[in-house]
């Protein structure tokens, strides 16, 4: 998305607000409050107790609705509200000329995500999607190691215990969508085949109609085979990436941020191995820095709305158990990531 009309005057502080201050949103607010050249203009959440806690801690106004936040005059907003509210909140911000970062997934449906993209494009505003794992220093080290390689396969494991905060989505939308995005980003290619296996092993998950185990296999347009193993049944967190190329094998631990490269394979089975240099930046800080930079410079953000819709479309096909994954966003515009009967009815913007 080329931005023409929306650069912020670099001579003044950029006023940024946060909508939704649960765990993720509170971290957005914390990081933004520490940015030079940025003023945390306020946080908005219908949970008044939480909003006042975050606002009081960071010394910014605590508001009950998106309208109150927009009325205070903001240049940009990050949206960390429940997914089913993303579209309405994003469109309200865009209608007021406000740049938007939307936490993943971009929306509940492909059609809603495309509505956000179209509105931002028409308004000439920055739209970035919060796929924060791209900014993990270990992920970036892996991406650099395989940049000029002929990738053969990718295997990603993202497992852990059940999160009490999760109420209306399963592991595909909560966890696997991160890795769907990484597969597309690593390969610079679209996913064209999907072979999903889903299960609800825990009684609470089955009652809520949400999967807690997912084994997902993919093929990209470039021919790369990929596999995601994700669940809420493992008693400990694990986040690993294995990438096989014709010349090397790269292993990354996204939690410890250790990345190892095996290379120089010989006919007798011997090879060389080295640990790659990995940075120490906080992924969320790097992501929000990129968002602010894109606004100031009027350049495309590193994770576009189109990237967000592409990942969501593949995730939805996994949920539907479809194998014909050639996902152009408009191929499944009305399928929901969160079934309607499980979507909350409260309207965040009018709380």
C-alpha atoms as a PDB file:
ATOM      1  CA  UNK A   1       0.000   0.000   0.000  1.00  0.00           C
ATOM      2  CA  UNK A   2       1.637   3.228  -1.132  1.00  0.00           C
ATOM      3  CA  UNK A   3       0.912   6.073   1.177  1.00  0.00           C
ATOM      4  CA  UNK A   4       0.598   9.588  -0.190  1.00  0.00           C
ATOM      5  CA  UNK A   5      -1.344  11.729   2.236  1.00  0.00           C
ATOM      6  CA  UNK A   6      -0.471  10.603   5.670  1.00  0.00           C
ATOM      7  CA  UNK A   7       3.020  11.525   6.848  1.00  0.00           C
ATOM      8  CA  UNK A   8       3.194  13.080  10.305  1.00  0.00           C
ATOM      9  CA  UNK A   9       5.112  16.289  10.829  1.00  0.00           C
ATOM     10  CA  UNK A  10       8.410  15.141  12.324  1.00  0.00           C
ATOM     11  CA  UNK A  11       8.678  18.378  14.286  1.00  0.00           C
ATOM     12  CA  UNK A  12       6.042  17.379  16.833  1.00  0.00           C
ATOM     13  CA  UNK A  13       5.254  14.372  18.972  1.00  0.00           C
ATOM     14  CA  UNK A  14       3.032  11.765  17.373  1.00  0.00           C
ATOM     15  CA  UNK A  15      -0.107  11.211  19.456  1.00  0.00           C
ATOM     16  CA  UNK A  16      -0.893   7.493  19.666  1.00  0.00           C
ATOM     17  CA  UNK A  17      -3.729   5.767  21.508  1.00  0.00           C
ATOM     18  CA  UNK A  18      -4.324   2.126  22.438  1.00  0.00           C
ATOM     19  CA  UNK A  19      -7.719   0.445  22.134  1.00  0.00           C
ATOM     20  CA  UNK A  20      -8.092  -2.588  24.378  1.00  0.00           C
ATOM     21  CA  UNK A  21      -5.708  -2.861  27.319  1.00  0.00           C
ATOM     22  CA  UNK A  22      -5.749  -6.503  28.287  1.00  0.00           C
ATOM     23  CA  UNK A  23      -2.411  -8.299  28.421  1.00  0.00           C
ATOM     24  CA  UNK A  24      -1.312  -7.395  24.893  1.00  0.00           C
ATOM     25  CA  UNK A  25      -2.801  -3.903  24.812  1.00  0.00           C
ATOM     26  CA  UNK A  26      -1.246  -2.992  28.150  1.00  0.00           C
ATOM     27  CA  UNK A  27       2.131  -3.921  26.703  1.00  0.00           C
ATOM     28  CA  UNK A  28       1.430  -1.764  23.644  1.00  0.00           C
ATOM     29  CA  UNK A  29       0.741   1.152  25.966  1.00  0.00           C
ATOM     30  CA  UNK A  30       3.855   0.486  28.048  1.00  0.00           C
ATOM     31  CA  UNK A  31       6.142   0.450  25.008  1.00  0.00           C
ATOM     32  CA  UNK A  32       4.551   3.501  23.371  1.00  0.00           C
ATOM     33  CA  UNK A  33       4.832   5.492  26.593  1.00  0.00           C
ATOM     34  CA  UNK A  34       8.621   5.061  26.423  1.00  0.00           C
ATOM     35  CA  UNK A  35       9.074   6.106  22.771  1.00  0.00           C
ATOM     36  CA  UNK A  36      10.867   9.382  22.047  1.00  0.00           C
ATOM     37  CA  UNK A  37       8.794  11.610  19.800  1.00  0.00           C
ATOM     38  CA  UNK A  38       5.576   9.782  20.721  1.00  0.00           C
ATOM     39  CA  UNK A  39       2.913  10.845  23.198  1.00  0.00           C
ATOM     40  CA  UNK A  40       0.636   8.156  24.614  1.00  0.00           C
ATOM     41  CA  UNK A  41      -2.577  10.105  24.145  1.00  0.00           C
ATOM     42  CA  UNK A  42      -4.819   7.682  26.009  1.00  0.00           C
ATOM     43  CA  UNK A  43      -6.026   4.115  26.445  1.00  0.00           C
ATOM     44  CA  UNK A  44      -9.604   2.984  25.814  1.00  0.00           C
ATOM     45  CA  UNK A  45     -11.294  -0.091  27.221  1.00  0.00           C
ATOM     46  CA  UNK A  46     -14.860  -0.749  28.440  1.00  0.00           C
ATOM     47  CA  UNK A  47     -13.310  -2.449  31.475  1.00  0.00           C
ATOM     48  CA  UNK A  48     -12.987   0.797  33.416  1.00  0.00           C
ATOM     49  CA  UNK A  49     -10.978  -0.750  36.225  1.00  0.00           C
ATOM     50  CA  UNK A  50      -8.354  -2.085  33.835  1.00  0.00           C
ATOM     51  CA  UNK A  51      -8.304   1.102  31.752  1.00  0.00           C
ATOM     52  CA  UNK A  52      -7.735   3.239  34.856  1.00  0.00           C
ATOM     53  CA  UNK A  53      -5.055   0.869  36.131  1.00  0.00           C
ATOM     54  CA  UNK A  54      -3.081   1.066  32.870  1.00  0.00           C
ATOM     55  CA  UNK A  55      -3.720   4.787  32.398  1.00  0.00           C
ATOM     56  CA  UNK A  56      -2.804   5.574  35.988  1.00  0.00           C
ATOM     57  CA  UNK A  57       0.361   3.493  35.820  1.00  0.00           C
ATOM     58  CA  UNK A  58       1.529   5.161  32.615  1.00  0.00           C
ATOM     59  CA  UNK A  59       0.207   8.653  33.317  1.00  0.00           C
ATOM     60  CA  UNK A  60      -2.225   8.930  30.412  1.00  0.00           C
ATOM     61  CA  UNK A  61      -6.012   9.398  30.131  1.00  0.00           C
ATOM     62  CA  UNK A  62      -8.149   6.283  30.657  1.00  0.00           C
ATOM     63  CA  UNK A  63     -11.251   6.280  28.468  1.00  0.00           C
ATOM     64  CA  UNK A  64     -14.260   4.009  28.108  1.00  0.00           C
ATOM     65  CA  UNK A  65     -14.828   4.160  24.353  1.00  0.00           C
ATOM     66  CA  UNK A  66     -13.066   4.579  21.040  1.00  0.00           C
ATOM     67  CA  UNK A  67     -15.081   7.753  20.389  1.00  0.00           C
ATOM     68  CA  UNK A  68     -13.670   9.400  23.511  1.00  0.00           C
ATOM     69  CA  UNK A  69     -10.159   8.500  22.421  1.00  0.00           C
ATOM     70  CA  UNK A  70     -10.647   9.817  18.892  1.00  0.00           C
ATOM     71  CA  UNK A  71     -12.187  13.019  20.212  1.00  0.00           C
ATOM     72  CA  UNK A  72      -8.956  13.746  22.080  1.00  0.00           C
ATOM     73  CA  UNK A  73      -7.148  14.009  18.764  1.00  0.00           C
ATOM     74  CA  UNK A  74      -4.811  11.137  17.888  1.00  0.00           C
ATOM     75  CA  UNK A  75      -2.568  10.512  14.904  1.00  0.00           C
ATOM     76  CA  UNK A  76      -2.497   6.739  15.255  1.00  0.00           C
ATOM     77  CA  UNK A  77      -4.100   3.916  17.208  1.00  0.00           C
ATOM     78  CA  UNK A  78      -3.102   0.354  17.994  1.00  0.00           C
ATOM     79  CA  UNK A  79      -6.040  -2.047  18.307  1.00  0.00           C
ATOM     80  CA  UNK A  80      -5.723  -4.936  20.758  1.00  0.00           C
ATOM     81  CA  UNK A  81      -9.456  -5.446  21.318  1.00  0.00           C
ATOM     82  CA  UNK A  82     -11.227  -8.801  20.735  1.00  0.00           C
ATOM     83  CA  UNK A  83     -10.978  -9.926  17.121  1.00  0.00           C
ATOM     84  CA  UNK A  84     -14.687  -9.624  16.328  1.00  0.00           C
ATOM     85  CA  UNK A  85     -14.456  -5.887  17.034  1.00  0.00           C
ATOM     86  CA  UNK A  86     -11.412  -5.182  14.860  1.00  0.00           C
ATOM     87  CA  UNK A  87     -13.326  -4.183  11.738  1.00  0.00           C
ATOM     88  CA  UNK A  88     -15.651  -1.667  13.371  1.00  0.00           C
ATOM     89  CA  UNK A  89     -12.920  -0.093  15.482  1.00  0.00           C
ATOM     90  CA  UNK A  90     -10.468   0.111  12.571  1.00  0.00           C
ATOM     91  CA  UNK A  91     -13.065   1.666  10.265  1.00  0.00           C
ATOM     92  CA  UNK A  92     -14.018   4.219  12.926  1.00  0.00           C
ATOM     93  CA  UNK A  93     -10.360   5.231  13.264  1.00  0.00           C
ATOM     94  CA  UNK A  94      -9.751   5.375   9.521  1.00  0.00           C
ATOM     95  CA  UNK A  95     -12.881   7.504   9.041  1.00  0.00           C
ATOM     96  CA  UNK A  96     -11.284  10.066  11.367  1.00  0.00           C
ATOM     97  CA  UNK A  97      -7.970  10.057   9.462  1.00  0.00           C
ATOM     98  CA  UNK A  98      -6.132   7.944  12.033  1.00  0.00           C
ATOM     99  CA  UNK A  99      -3.380   5.441  11.170  1.00  0.00           C
ATOM    100  CA  UNK A 100      -4.007   1.919  12.483  1.00  0.00           C
ATOM    101  CA  UNK A 101      -2.092  -1.092  13.721  1.00  0.00           C
ATOM    102  CA  UNK A 102      -4.433  -4.063  14.204  1.00  0.00           C
ATOM    103  CA  UNK A 103      -3.340  -7.016  16.314  1.00  0.00           C
ATOM    104  CA  UNK A 104      -3.489 -10.392  14.588  1.00  0.00           C
ATOM    105  CA  UNK A 105      -5.700 -11.760  13.243  1.00  0.00           C
ATOM    106  CA  UNK A 106      -6.747  -8.746  11.195  1.00  0.00           C
ATOM    107  CA  UNK A 107     -10.465  -9.574  11.597  1.00  0.00           C
ATOM    108  CA  UNK A 108     -12.941 -12.417  12.097  1.00  0.00           C
ATOM    109  CA  UNK A 109     -13.500 -12.922   8.371  1.00  0.00           C
ATOM    110  CA  UNK A 110     -11.636 -12.357   5.152  1.00  0.00           C
ATOM    111  CA  UNK A 111     -14.379  -9.981   4.009  1.00  0.00           C
ATOM    112  CA  UNK A 112     -13.999  -7.852   7.155  1.00  0.00           C
ATOM    113  CA  UNK A 113     -10.235  -7.760   6.684  1.00  0.00           C
ATOM    114  CA  UNK A 114     -10.650  -6.618   3.099  1.00  0.00           C
ATOM    115  CA  UNK A 115     -13.011  -3.866   4.276  1.00  0.00           C
ATOM    116  CA  UNK A 116     -10.253  -2.529   6.515  1.00  0.00           C
ATOM    117  CA  UNK A 117      -7.680  -2.691   3.717  1.00  0.00           C
ATOM    118  CA  UNK A 118      -9.920  -0.855   1.254  1.00  0.00           C
ATOM    119  CA  UNK A 119     -10.783   1.877   3.742  1.00  0.00           C
ATOM    120  CA  UNK A 120      -7.133   2.513   4.636  1.00  0.00           C
ATOM    121  CA  UNK A 121      -6.104   2.545   0.997  1.00  0.00           C
ATOM    122  CA  UNK A 122      -8.806   5.050   0.064  1.00  0.00           C
ATOM    123  CA  UNK A 123      -7.818   7.298   2.949  1.00  0.00           C
ATOM    124  CA  UNK A 124      -4.079   7.059   2.253  1.00  0.00           C
ATOM    125  CA  UNK A 125      -3.416   5.851   5.803  1.00  0.00           C
ATOM    126  CA  UNK A 126      -0.960   3.355   7.239  1.00  0.00           C
ATOM    127  CA  UNK A 127      -2.468  -0.040   8.043  1.00  0.00           C
ATOM    128  CA  UNK A 128      -0.153  -2.523   9.758  1.00  0.00           C
ATOM    129  CA  UNK A 129      -0.995  -5.945  11.206  1.00  0.00           C
ATOM    130  CA  UNK A 130       0.514  -7.073  14.507  1.00  0.00           C
ATOM    131  CA  UNK A 131       2.241 -10.315  13.511  1.00  0.00           C
ATOM    132  CA  UNK A 132       4.817  -9.689  16.210  1.00  0.00           C
ATOM    133  CA  UNK A 133       6.703 -12.958  15.718  1.00  0.00           C
ATOM    134  CA  UNK A 134       8.294 -11.527  12.572  1.00  0.00           C
ATOM    135  CA  UNK A 135      10.149  -9.134  14.880  1.00  0.00           C
ATOM    136  CA  UNK A 136      11.519 -11.867  17.155  1.00  0.00           C
ATOM    137  CA  UNK A 137      15.327 -11.594  16.809  1.00  0.00           C
ATOM    138  CA  UNK A 138      15.583 -15.387  16.434  1.00  0.00           C
ATOM    139  CA  UNK A 139      13.073 -15.347  13.577  1.00  0.00           C
ATOM    140  CA  UNK A 140      14.985 -12.548  11.904  1.00  0.00           C
ATOM    141  CA  UNK A 141      18.245 -14.494  12.256  1.00  0.00           C
ATOM    142  CA  UNK A 142      16.588 -17.515  10.630  1.00  0.00           C
ATOM    143  CA  UNK A 143      15.211 -15.355   7.814  1.00  0.00           C
ATOM    144  CA  UNK A 144      18.674 -13.911   7.167  1.00  0.00           C
ATOM    145  CA  UNK A 145      20.294 -17.364   7.190  1.00  0.00           C
ATOM    146  CA  UNK A 146      17.906 -18.720   4.536  1.00  0.00           C
ATOM    147  CA  UNK A 147      17.495 -15.538   2.493  1.00  0.00           C
ATOM    148  CA  UNK A 148      19.398 -16.754  -0.581  1.00  0.00           C
ATOM    149  CA  UNK A 149      18.781 -20.459  -0.034  1.00  0.00           C
ATOM    150  CA  UNK A 150      16.664 -22.941  -1.968  1.00  0.00           C
ATOM    151  CA  UNK A 151      14.209 -23.882   0.795  1.00  0.00           C
ATOM    152  CA  UNK A 152      12.941 -27.458   0.830  1.00  0.00           C
ATOM    153  CA  UNK A 153      10.877 -27.726   4.023  1.00  0.00           C
ATOM    154  CA  UNK A 154       9.848 -25.855   7.158  1.00  0.00           C
ATOM    155  CA  UNK A 155       8.672 -27.430  10.424  1.00  0.00           C
ATOM    156  CA  UNK A 156       7.348 -25.234  13.230  1.00  0.00           C
ATOM    157  CA  UNK A 157       6.291 -26.301  16.724  1.00  0.00           C
ATOM    158  CA  UNK A 158       4.291 -23.912  18.899  1.00  0.00           C
ATOM    159  CA  UNK A 159       2.850 -25.653  21.953  1.00  0.00           C
ATOM    160  CA  UNK A 160       2.050 -24.926  25.577  1.00  0.00           C
ATOM    161  CA  UNK A 161      -0.521 -25.221  28.353  1.00  0.00           C
ATOM    162  CA  UNK A 162      -4.081 -24.015  27.973  1.00  0.00           C
ATOM    163  CA  UNK A 163      -4.305 -20.217  28.403  1.00  0.00           C
ATOM    164  CA  UNK A 164      -7.156 -19.227  30.743  1.00  0.00           C
ATOM    165  CA  UNK A 165      -7.556 -15.903  28.921  1.00  0.00           C
ATOM    166  CA  UNK A 166      -8.572 -17.608  25.653  1.00  0.00           C
ATOM    167  CA  UNK A 167     -12.352 -17.905  25.393  1.00  0.00           C
ATOM    168  CA  UNK A 168     -13.615 -17.868  21.821  1.00  0.00           C
ATOM    169  CA  UNK A 169     -10.918 -19.183  19.480  1.00  0.00           C
ATOM    170  CA  UNK A 170      -8.801 -22.316  19.237  1.00  0.00           C
ATOM    171  CA  UNK A 171      -5.138 -22.952  18.576  1.00  0.00           C
ATOM    172  CA  UNK A 172      -5.329 -22.280  14.836  1.00  0.00           C
ATOM    173  CA  UNK A 173      -6.342 -18.625  15.221  1.00  0.00           C
ATOM    174  CA  UNK A 174      -4.499 -18.043  18.498  1.00  0.00           C
ATOM    175  CA  UNK A 175      -1.208 -19.774  17.693  1.00  0.00           C
ATOM    176  CA  UNK A 176      -0.888 -21.274  14.214  1.00  0.00           C
ATOM    177  CA  UNK A 177      -1.713 -18.028  12.424  1.00  0.00           C
ATOM    178  CA  UNK A 178       1.704 -16.755  13.604  1.00  0.00           C
ATOM    179  CA  UNK A 179       3.417 -19.613  11.822  1.00  0.00           C
ATOM    180  CA  UNK A 180       1.272 -19.470   8.701  1.00  0.00           C
ATOM    181  CA  UNK A 181       2.515 -15.904   8.349  1.00  0.00           C
ATOM    182  CA  UNK A 182       6.120 -16.985   8.961  1.00  0.00           C
ATOM    183  CA  UNK A 183       5.933 -19.708   6.317  1.00  0.00           C
ATOM    184  CA  UNK A 184       4.722 -17.205   3.728  1.00  0.00           C
ATOM    185  CA  UNK A 185       7.317 -14.647   4.833  1.00  0.00           C
ATOM    186  CA  UNK A 186      10.248 -17.092   4.847  1.00  0.00           C
ATOM    187  CA  UNK A 187       9.378 -18.479   1.425  1.00  0.00           C
ATOM    188  CA  UNK A 188       8.083 -15.258  -0.164  1.00  0.00           C
ATOM    189  CA  UNK A 189       5.364 -17.491  -1.549  1.00  0.00           C
ATOM    190  CA  UNK A 190       1.673 -18.205  -1.085  1.00  0.00           C
ATOM    191  CA  UNK A 191       0.303 -21.370   0.485  1.00  0.00           C
ATOM    192  CA  UNK A 192      -1.606 -23.323  -2.169  1.00  0.00           C
ATOM    193  CA  UNK A 193      -2.333 -26.662  -0.437  1.00  0.00           C
ATOM    194  CA  UNK A 194      -3.543 -27.366   3.091  1.00  0.00           C
ATOM    195  CA  UNK A 195      -3.898 -30.696   4.899  1.00  0.00           C
ATOM    196  CA  UNK A 196      -5.247 -29.969   8.399  1.00  0.00           C
ATOM    197  CA  UNK A 197      -5.849 -32.379  11.258  1.00  0.00           C
ATOM    198  CA  UNK A 198      -7.711 -30.845  14.222  1.00  0.00           C
ATOM    199  CA  UNK A 199      -8.969 -32.237  17.512  1.00  0.00           C
ATOM    200  CA  UNK A 200     -10.572 -31.113  20.763  1.00  0.00           C
ATOM    201  CA  UNK A 201      -8.969 -33.341  23.365  1.00  0.00           C
ATOM    202  CA  UNK A 202      -9.962 -31.481  26.523  1.00  0.00           C
ATOM    203  CA  UNK A 203     -13.627 -31.509  27.513  1.00  0.00           C
ATOM    204  CA  UNK A 204     -13.795 -27.739  27.955  1.00  0.00           C
ATOM    205  CA  UNK A 205     -12.485 -27.245  24.428  1.00  0.00           C
ATOM    206  CA  UNK A 206     -15.023 -29.651  22.964  1.00  0.00           C
ATOM    207  CA  UNK A 207     -17.918 -27.939  24.724  1.00  0.00           C
ATOM    208  CA  UNK A 208     -16.736 -24.567  23.446  1.00  0.00           C
ATOM    209  CA  UNK A 209     -16.317 -25.985  19.919  1.00  0.00           C
ATOM    210  CA  UNK A 210     -12.685 -24.999  19.772  1.00  0.00           C
ATOM    211  CA  UNK A 211      -9.719 -27.129  18.718  1.00  0.00           C
ATOM    212  CA  UNK A 212      -6.827 -27.553  21.137  1.00  0.00           C
ATOM    213  CA  UNK A 213      -4.637 -29.696  18.864  1.00  0.00           C
ATOM    214  CA  UNK A 214      -3.719 -28.907  15.271  1.00  0.00           C
ATOM    215  CA  UNK A 215      -1.327 -30.685  12.922  1.00  0.00           C
ATOM    216  CA  UNK A 216      -1.209 -28.670   9.727  1.00  0.00           C
ATOM    217  CA  UNK A 217       0.629 -29.479   6.516  1.00  0.00           C
ATOM    218  CA  UNK A 218       1.118 -27.083   3.628  1.00  0.00           C
ATOM    219  CA  UNK A 219       2.651 -26.717   0.202  1.00  0.00           C
ATOM    220  CA  UNK A 220       3.599 -23.279  -1.091  1.00  0.00           C
ATOM    221  CA  UNK A 221       3.403 -22.091  -4.671  1.00  0.00           C
ATOM    222  CA  UNK A 222       7.204 -22.304  -4.761  1.00  0.00           C
ATOM    223  CA  UNK A 223       7.078 -26.004  -3.823  1.00  0.00           C
ATOM    224  CA  UNK A 224       8.154 -25.770  -0.176  1.00  0.00           C
ATOM    225  CA  UNK A 225       6.607 -28.345   2.157  1.00  0.00           C
ATOM    226  CA  UNK A 226       5.708 -27.008   5.605  1.00  0.00           C
ATOM    227  CA  UNK A 227       4.321 -28.418   8.833  1.00  0.00           C
ATOM    228  CA  UNK A 228       2.907 -26.777  11.955  1.00  0.00           C
ATOM    229  CA  UNK A 229       2.423 -28.672  15.227  1.00  0.00           C
ATOM    230  CA  UNK A 230       0.478 -26.652  17.764  1.00  0.00           C
ATOM    231  CA  UNK A 231      -1.546 -27.448  20.887  1.00  0.00           C
ATOM    232  CA  UNK A 232      -2.683 -26.348  24.331  1.00  0.00           C
ATOM    233  CA  UNK A 233      -1.868 -29.710  25.924  1.00  0.00           C
ATOM    234  CA  UNK A 234       1.873 -29.466  26.502  1.00  0.00           C
ATOM    235  CA  UNK A 235       2.708 -28.579  30.138  1.00  0.00           C
ATOM    236  CA  UNK A 236       5.485 -26.244  29.032  1.00  0.00           C
ATOM    237  CA  UNK A 237       5.906 -23.694  26.256  1.00  0.00           C
ATOM    238  CA  UNK A 238       7.972 -24.613  23.198  1.00  0.00           C
ATOM    239  CA  UNK A 239       8.536 -22.525  20.073  1.00  0.00           C
ATOM    240  CA  UNK A 240      10.905 -24.033  17.503  1.00  0.00           C
ATOM    241  CA  UNK A 241      11.558 -23.620  13.792  1.00  0.00           C
ATOM    242  CA  UNK A 242      13.451 -26.079  11.577  1.00  0.00           C
ATOM    243  CA  UNK A 243      14.262 -25.103   7.990  1.00  0.00           C
ATOM    244  CA  UNK A 244      15.875 -27.480   5.493  1.00  0.00           C
ATOM    245  CA  UNK A 245      17.478 -26.043   2.367  1.00  0.00           C
ATOM    246  CA  UNK A 246      19.629 -27.667  -0.294  1.00  0.00           C
ATOM    247  CA  UNK A 247      22.822 -26.410   1.386  1.00  0.00           C
ATOM    248  CA  UNK A 248      22.018 -26.069   5.079  1.00  0.00           C
ATOM    249  CA  UNK A 249      19.726 -26.954   7.967  1.00  0.00           C
ATOM    250  CA  UNK A 250      18.727 -24.170  10.350  1.00  0.00           C
ATOM    251  CA  UNK A 251      17.277 -24.743  13.831  1.00  0.00           C
ATOM    252  CA  UNK A 252      15.829 -21.910  15.895  1.00  0.00           C
ATOM    253  CA  UNK A 253      14.415 -21.738  19.414  1.00  0.00           C
ATOM    254  CA  UNK A 254      12.170 -18.684  19.534  1.00  0.00           C
ATOM    255  CA  UNK A 255      12.025 -18.638  23.335  1.00  0.00           C
ATOM    256  CA  UNK A 256      15.732 -18.962  24.157  1.00  0.00           C
ATOM    257  CA  UNK A 257      16.608 -17.116  20.930  1.00  0.00           C
ATOM    258  CA  UNK A 258      19.267 -19.603  19.947  1.00  0.00           C
ATOM    259  CA  UNK A 259      19.742 -20.276  16.238  1.00  0.00           C
ATOM    260  CA  UNK A 260      22.041 -23.009  14.922  1.00  0.00           C
ATOM    261  CA  UNK A 261      23.105 -23.568  11.321  1.00  0.00           C
ATOM    262  CA  UNK A 262      24.349 -26.902   9.970  1.00  0.00           C
ATOM    263  CA  UNK A 263      26.184 -26.693   6.648  1.00  0.00           C
ATOM    264  CA  UNK A 264      28.999 -28.137   4.544  1.00  0.00           C
ATOM    265  CA  UNK A 265      27.449 -31.578   4.228  1.00  0.00           C
ATOM    266  CA  UNK A 266      29.923 -34.234   3.057  1.00  0.00           C
ATOM    267  CA  UNK A 267      29.394 -37.616   1.351  1.00  0.00           C
ATOM    268  CA  UNK A 268      30.531 -39.406   4.510  1.00  0.00           C
ATOM    269  CA  UNK A 269      27.747 -37.729   6.527  1.00  0.00           C
ATOM    270  CA  UNK A 270      29.944 -35.177   8.284  1.00  0.00           C
ATOM    271  CA  UNK A 271      29.045 -31.487   8.411  1.00  0.00           C
ATOM    272  CA  UNK A 272      29.914 -28.227  10.120  1.00  0.00           C
ATOM    273  CA  UNK A 273      27.793 -26.408  12.660  1.00  0.00           C
ATOM    274  CA  UNK A 274      27.758 -22.874  14.051  1.00  0.00           C
ATOM    275  CA  UNK A 275      25.615 -20.728  16.308  1.00  0.00           C
ATOM    276  CA  UNK A 276      24.340 -17.596  14.626  1.00  0.00           C
ATOM    277  CA  UNK A 277      24.344 -14.141  16.153  1.00  0.00           C
ATOM    278  CA  UNK A 278      20.913 -13.174  17.455  1.00  0.00           C
ATOM    279  CA  UNK A 279      19.844  -9.732  18.654  1.00  0.00           C
ATOM    280  CA  UNK A 280      18.181  -8.887  21.956  1.00  0.00           C
ATOM    281  CA  UNK A 281      15.469  -6.410  20.930  1.00  0.00           C
ATOM    282  CA  UNK A 282      11.985  -6.756  22.403  1.00  0.00           C
ATOM    283  CA  UNK A 283       9.799  -7.925  19.470  1.00  0.00           C
ATOM    284  CA  UNK A 284       6.866  -5.674  20.368  1.00  0.00           C
ATOM    285  CA  UNK A 285       9.131  -2.640  20.648  1.00  0.00           C
ATOM    286  CA  UNK A 286      10.611  -3.405  17.228  1.00  0.00           C
ATOM    287  CA  UNK A 287       7.131  -3.851  15.757  1.00  0.00           C
ATOM    288  CA  UNK A 288       5.790  -0.566  17.119  1.00  0.00           C
ATOM    289  CA  UNK A 289       8.965   1.218  16.052  1.00  0.00           C
ATOM    290  CA  UNK A 290       8.327  -0.013  12.509  1.00  0.00           C
ATOM    291  CA  UNK A 291       4.716   1.200  12.696  1.00  0.00           C
ATOM    292  CA  UNK A 292       5.738   4.694  13.815  1.00  0.00           C
ATOM    293  CA  UNK A 293       8.482   4.828  11.179  1.00  0.00           C
ATOM    294  CA  UNK A 294       6.059   3.862   8.390  1.00  0.00           C
ATOM    295  CA  UNK A 295       3.707   6.664   9.440  1.00  0.00           C
ATOM    296  CA  UNK A 296       6.457   9.285   9.715  1.00  0.00           C
ATOM    297  CA  UNK A 297       8.042   8.381   6.387  1.00  0.00           C
ATOM    298  CA  UNK A 298       4.870   7.569   4.481  1.00  0.00           C
ATOM    299  CA  UNK A 299       6.244   4.159   3.474  1.00  0.00           C
ATOM    300  CA  UNK A 300       4.540   0.737   3.433  1.00  0.00           C
ATOM    301  CA  UNK A 301       4.677  -1.067   6.798  1.00  0.00           C
ATOM    302  CA  UNK A 302       6.593  -4.361   7.038  1.00  0.00           C
ATOM    303  CA  UNK A 303       3.382  -6.349   7.711  1.00  0.00           C
ATOM    304  CA  UNK A 304       0.581  -5.161   5.458  1.00  0.00           C
ATOM    305  CA  UNK A 305      -3.150  -5.645   5.605  1.00  0.00           C
ATOM    306  CA  UNK A 306      -2.817  -7.985   2.646  1.00  0.00           C
ATOM    307  CA  UNK A 307      -0.348 -10.103   4.651  1.00  0.00           C
ATOM    308  CA  UNK A 308      -2.860 -10.285   7.492  1.00  0.00           C
ATOM    309  CA  UNK A 309      -5.739 -11.322   5.235  1.00  0.00           C
ATOM    310  CA  UNK A 310      -3.614 -13.983   3.510  1.00  0.00           C
ATOM    311  CA  UNK A 311      -2.725 -15.625   6.842  1.00  0.00           C
ATOM    312  CA  UNK A 312      -6.311 -15.429   8.068  1.00  0.00           C
ATOM    313  CA  UNK A 313      -7.636 -17.007   4.869  1.00  0.00           C
ATOM    314  CA  UNK A 314      -5.299 -19.999   5.221  1.00  0.00           C
ATOM    315  CA  UNK A 315      -6.176 -20.373   8.924  1.00  0.00           C
ATOM    316  CA  UNK A 316      -9.881 -20.393   8.084  1.00  0.00           C
ATOM    317  CA  UNK A 317      -9.348 -23.078   5.459  1.00  0.00           C
ATOM    318  CA  UNK A 318      -7.589 -25.156   8.110  1.00  0.00           C
ATOM    319  CA  UNK A 319     -10.605 -24.759  10.384  1.00  0.00           C
ATOM    320  CA  UNK A 320     -12.913 -25.829   7.576  1.00  0.00           C
ATOM    321  CA  UNK A 321     -10.794 -28.884   6.868  1.00  0.00           C
ATOM    322  CA  UNK A 322     -10.395 -27.997   3.217  1.00  0.00           C
ATOM    323  CA  UNK A 323      -7.406 -29.246   1.243  1.00  0.00           C
ATOM    324  CA  UNK A 324      -7.763 -26.970  -1.811  1.00  0.00           C
ATOM    325  CA  UNK A 325      -5.971 -24.120  -0.156  1.00  0.00           C
ATOM    326  CA  UNK A 326      -5.171 -21.961  -3.149  1.00  0.00           C
ATOM    327  CA  UNK A 327      -6.143 -18.975  -1.090  1.00  0.00           C
ATOM    328  CA  UNK A 328      -6.885 -15.795  -2.830  1.00  0.00           C
ATOM    329  CA  UNK A 329      -8.684 -13.774  -0.169  1.00  0.00           C
ATOM    330  CA  UNK A 330     -11.897 -13.446  -2.128  1.00  0.00           C
ATOM    331  CA  UNK A 331     -12.181 -17.239  -2.446  1.00  0.00           C
ATOM    332  CA  UNK A 332     -13.736 -17.532   1.019  1.00  0.00           C
ATOM    333  CA  UNK A 333     -15.093 -14.120   1.949  1.00  0.00           C
ATOM    334  CA  UNK A 334     -17.849 -15.130   4.327  1.00  0.00           C
ATOM    335  CA  UNK A 335     -16.311 -17.892   6.427  1.00  0.00           C
ATOM    336  CA  UNK A 336     -15.675 -16.846   9.997  1.00  0.00           C
ATOM    337  CA  UNK A 337     -12.627 -17.583  12.100  1.00  0.00           C
ATOM    338  CA  UNK A 338     -14.918 -17.418  15.142  1.00  0.00           C
ATOM    339  CA  UNK A 339     -18.377 -18.957  14.580  1.00  0.00           C
ATOM    340  CA  UNK A 340     -21.159 -16.452  15.117  1.00  0.00           C
ATOM    341  CA  UNK A 341     -22.738 -18.254  18.037  1.00  0.00           C
ATOM    342  CA  UNK A 342     -19.437 -17.967  19.914  1.00  0.00           C
ATOM    343  CA  UNK A 343     -18.858 -14.294  19.213  1.00  0.00           C
ATOM    344  CA  UNK A 344     -19.433 -11.828  22.009  1.00  0.00           C
ATOM    345  CA  UNK A 345     -22.347  -9.483  21.568  1.00  0.00           C
ATOM    346  CA  UNK A 346     -20.937  -6.474  23.387  1.00  0.00           C
ATOM    347  CA  UNK A 347     -20.064  -3.556  21.152  1.00  0.00           C
ATOM    348  CA  UNK A 348     -16.716  -2.208  22.302  1.00  0.00           C
ATOM    349  CA  UNK A 349     -17.055   1.122  20.575  1.00  0.00           C
ATOM    350  CA  UNK A 350     -20.283   2.014  22.294  1.00  0.00           C
ATOM    351  CA  UNK A 351     -19.396   0.789  25.778  1.00  0.00           C
END
